[in-house]
Every structure is written in C-alpha cells, then in structure tokens.
C-alpha cells in the first residue's frame, strides 16, 4: 500500500485548519505574564518558545522546545537509520473538564457541558521525518498509556515499522496525570507509579497535571496544535512538515478514554480526522475520575461508538478484550464510519510488546507459561494503513468477521484450541501452536498477556509431514491474507521469518 504524499486536505480538515491556524507567537519570558513557567535551557541550546491559537472549540496552548537532553521513554532506537528525528516539547495551557448533559447511554450519543478548567504543563514527543520530502502529511497522535504506572507508547511499539516506512509523524502525548506527576495513580500492579516528574525531576520539574478529568481537553488541544503549520515562520513541533490529516490512536486504558472522547468530546472539538481505538473494554473511561480507580471503565454497560460519528473509527480488538475486558457485548455492526476487527490468536498484550520471546517474557512476568506470541502486530499495522487510506482517500478497510463468543462469555475454540471466527492470519490458519488470549494463571498481568502452547515436533510432523510442507502452506495463507488486506506486503518477510522459527525438532 503506497503511502499518501502531500494530498489536498479534506474540506472539513481545511476549514478546521484555517480556523485553528492563528500564528505561533514567540513568548518573551518575563515580559509575558501569561507565559508558562520555564526552566533554564542547557547552555548553547536553541530552545524556542511559542504559542498557538487553535479553533474556538479548543483553548490556546503555549509550546516550549525542542527541550535539550535525553527524554524519558523515547523509543528512539533506529530512528536515525530510518531518516527520522525525535524532539520533545513542553505544552502548557488551561484544560477544561466536562459533565454529562443528560444520560450517558449505551448508544454513545452523548452531550457534555464544561465543568471547569485548570492550568497544566505536559510534554509531547515528536518523531518526524528529517527530510520534509519524506513526510506523508499524516500525523498519528498517540494517547500515552499509563497502565504500568509510567508513561508508555504501546502503539508506537506495535506500529513503528509502518509509521516509519510510510513517512507519518508520530506524536506521543502525556495526557494523563499518572504519566506526568501523580505517583499515587500507580499501575495495574498497584503501589506507587513512576511519572515523569519522579523519573527525572530536574528535567520535568515544571510539569503539572490537574487530573484526568482534564485529560480529554488536553489531548484535543495537542491535536489542534499539530493540525496547523504556523504562518509567521516560528518553528513548530512538526518543524513545518505538512499535516493534512491528523489521526488519534490509543491502546488499552487509552482506548477506554478514546471511546469516551469520540462519543462526548469529539463533537465539541472536532480536531481529529480519524481514530484507531485499540483494545477497548465494554464501557468507557469516566469524565469524573472520582468514580474509578483510574484503570477500569467507570461508564459501564455495552457502550458503542455513536452512530452519527463523522470521521472514520476503526475498533481493533484482541481475544482478551472480548472476554476479560468485557467488550464482546458492546460490539456493533460496521457502518459508514465505524469498522471493527476482532483478531484471532491475540491477547491484550503479548511477546512482541516485550521484545519477541514468549518464553522469556512469561518467565520475566512470573506467568509460569509462555505469553501470547500471536499476530497482533501484523494485523495492527495493516489496520493503521487501512485507516489512513480511509481518512485520506475514503477507501474503506476490509470488513472483519467477529470472533465467536459463547453464551458463557468465553471464546469458542476449534480442535486446536484456537478461536473460531475473527480476522484470521496464517498463525491461526496454519497453526504451529495454540495462541490464546486466555492464561492459565499468574495474576492480573499474566491474564492480559494470554498464552502460547506450542505443538510438539511430533504433532507438527503428524499434521504437516515435514517443515517444507508447513512453510509452503503458511506462505500460501500469508499471500491470501495480503491479498485480503489483512497483512501488508511490506510485512511479508517478517511474517515468513516468524514461521521459519517454528521448531520441527
């Protein structure tokens, strides 16, 4: 799939950009009483401070950077070889919180009113092509995940290969208090977290977050910030690169929040052209953080994406999301702007996220078994590429088949223990293992990482005869998946390499 190159923005995008694009104005430190608190930059640095005036539905922000030195959780390995650079910026503003205006029903047709607003200073990490000629004009904005008690970018890990080869900009947003300055937010293991201000107080001491009720507007403000090129020559976080289309993405807890964002905040602040909601639960995150522990969905029920959403939304689900996170009852039919992929053989988190070795990952997590080694990363890169084409050119993604879920809420499985139905990639069509979103034990964390039960060499020989036959069948299934749009041609070699690692003894 060819990456889009400098396409003309959609009418909605062009109008939003025109309204949002008041010039970036350089701040003058003490001469500007409204300017953000700043720390002295390193000697010899070229830090720029600037402000932007986004659309009237999104309050203005102030930007300082690039911040010199090494950022936390950069994920920058291999960027230079790919022709990319990474820069960190501090973003300051006043973020609003919201209250429901009426009932928050399961249909997602929500209305919100502004409750209050509070000041914040957070950070964004921008990974962009060094050469403007390599930029696609697509900006992917990730809502950082704080489920582990620190700022993380799982969707960058899963999709980096596609982002880099397509020329997309990636903007990681520290949207929640648990990633910025709230150590008490902790993570799924409990105990104190490690927000940025604790991880590096000298670098991040000025960051302040008013609480997760304000995270939605904060995220919208960053989306507006990166939507427009400043008109006065002042450097901006994207260094003048084209940004014709801006897409929001988030995984797990971040997907709970994007569900609430799409249903309630997007109608008030339509700054994003599309959403990739990755591994959501049956409900949605709250607008009042006092109703939840920060990790579970507080808006309960079978919450769907609102039918009148006006931009593409792709909901990507693993087996674990359907069962443990309770998403199965909330699934909805595909519609004009909503598409769903349930991907068989996948877990909420997996070996790919932890380096690729399911046995080592299982041992490190204390799970007593190898964690899931399924094809989530292959399917997610394809889903992102399809979403981009849907946003840019109106080309709808392939339809997904739902994974079958029984009346008891469990995944229906075939004779090999693999899920029935769903988006099926070669790892489940030509199996060498049982790949499951379920885990035999090991606590909450292991339950999210699922399991891999490899077939023995004797079982493989009985099933396939020899290694060559297995690889031929796998390659045929892979070519079908590529033809169906479920795997990208660019990932063919990586997918074949995974099959070649299967142990025939």
Foldseek 3Di string as FASTA:
>chain_A
DAFAAPDAFDPVLVVQQVQFAAFWDFDDPPVDPPDADDDDADPPDDKTKTWTRGHPLAHIKIKIDQGDDDAPQQPCPPLVVLQKDKGKMKIKDKFWFWDWPDDCDQQLQTEIDTDGIGIWIWMKMKIFHPDLNLANLAEEEEEFDCQQQETHDLVCLLAVVLCSNSGYMYMYTPLFCSQQPFQCLHHPVHDGGQHRCNVDVVRRVRGDDPGNLRSLSVSLNVLRQVSYAGDPPRAGPRRRHHNSAYEYEYAQLVLLAVQNCQSYVCVSRVSHQEYERHLYAQAHDDSDPVQDSSRAHSGDDRHERNPPRDHAYEYEHEQCRVFVRVNVSNDDDDDLRYAYFYEWLAFSAECSSVPQWQVVVCVVLVQPAGFGNDDPSQQVNLVVVQSSCCSRPVRHAFHWWDFDADPVSHFDADPQQITPGTLYALCVVLHQWHRDNAGPDRDDVSNRRHHTGGDALVVCCVVQVDLVSSLVVNLVRNVVCCVNSRGPPVCSVVSSVVSVPRDND
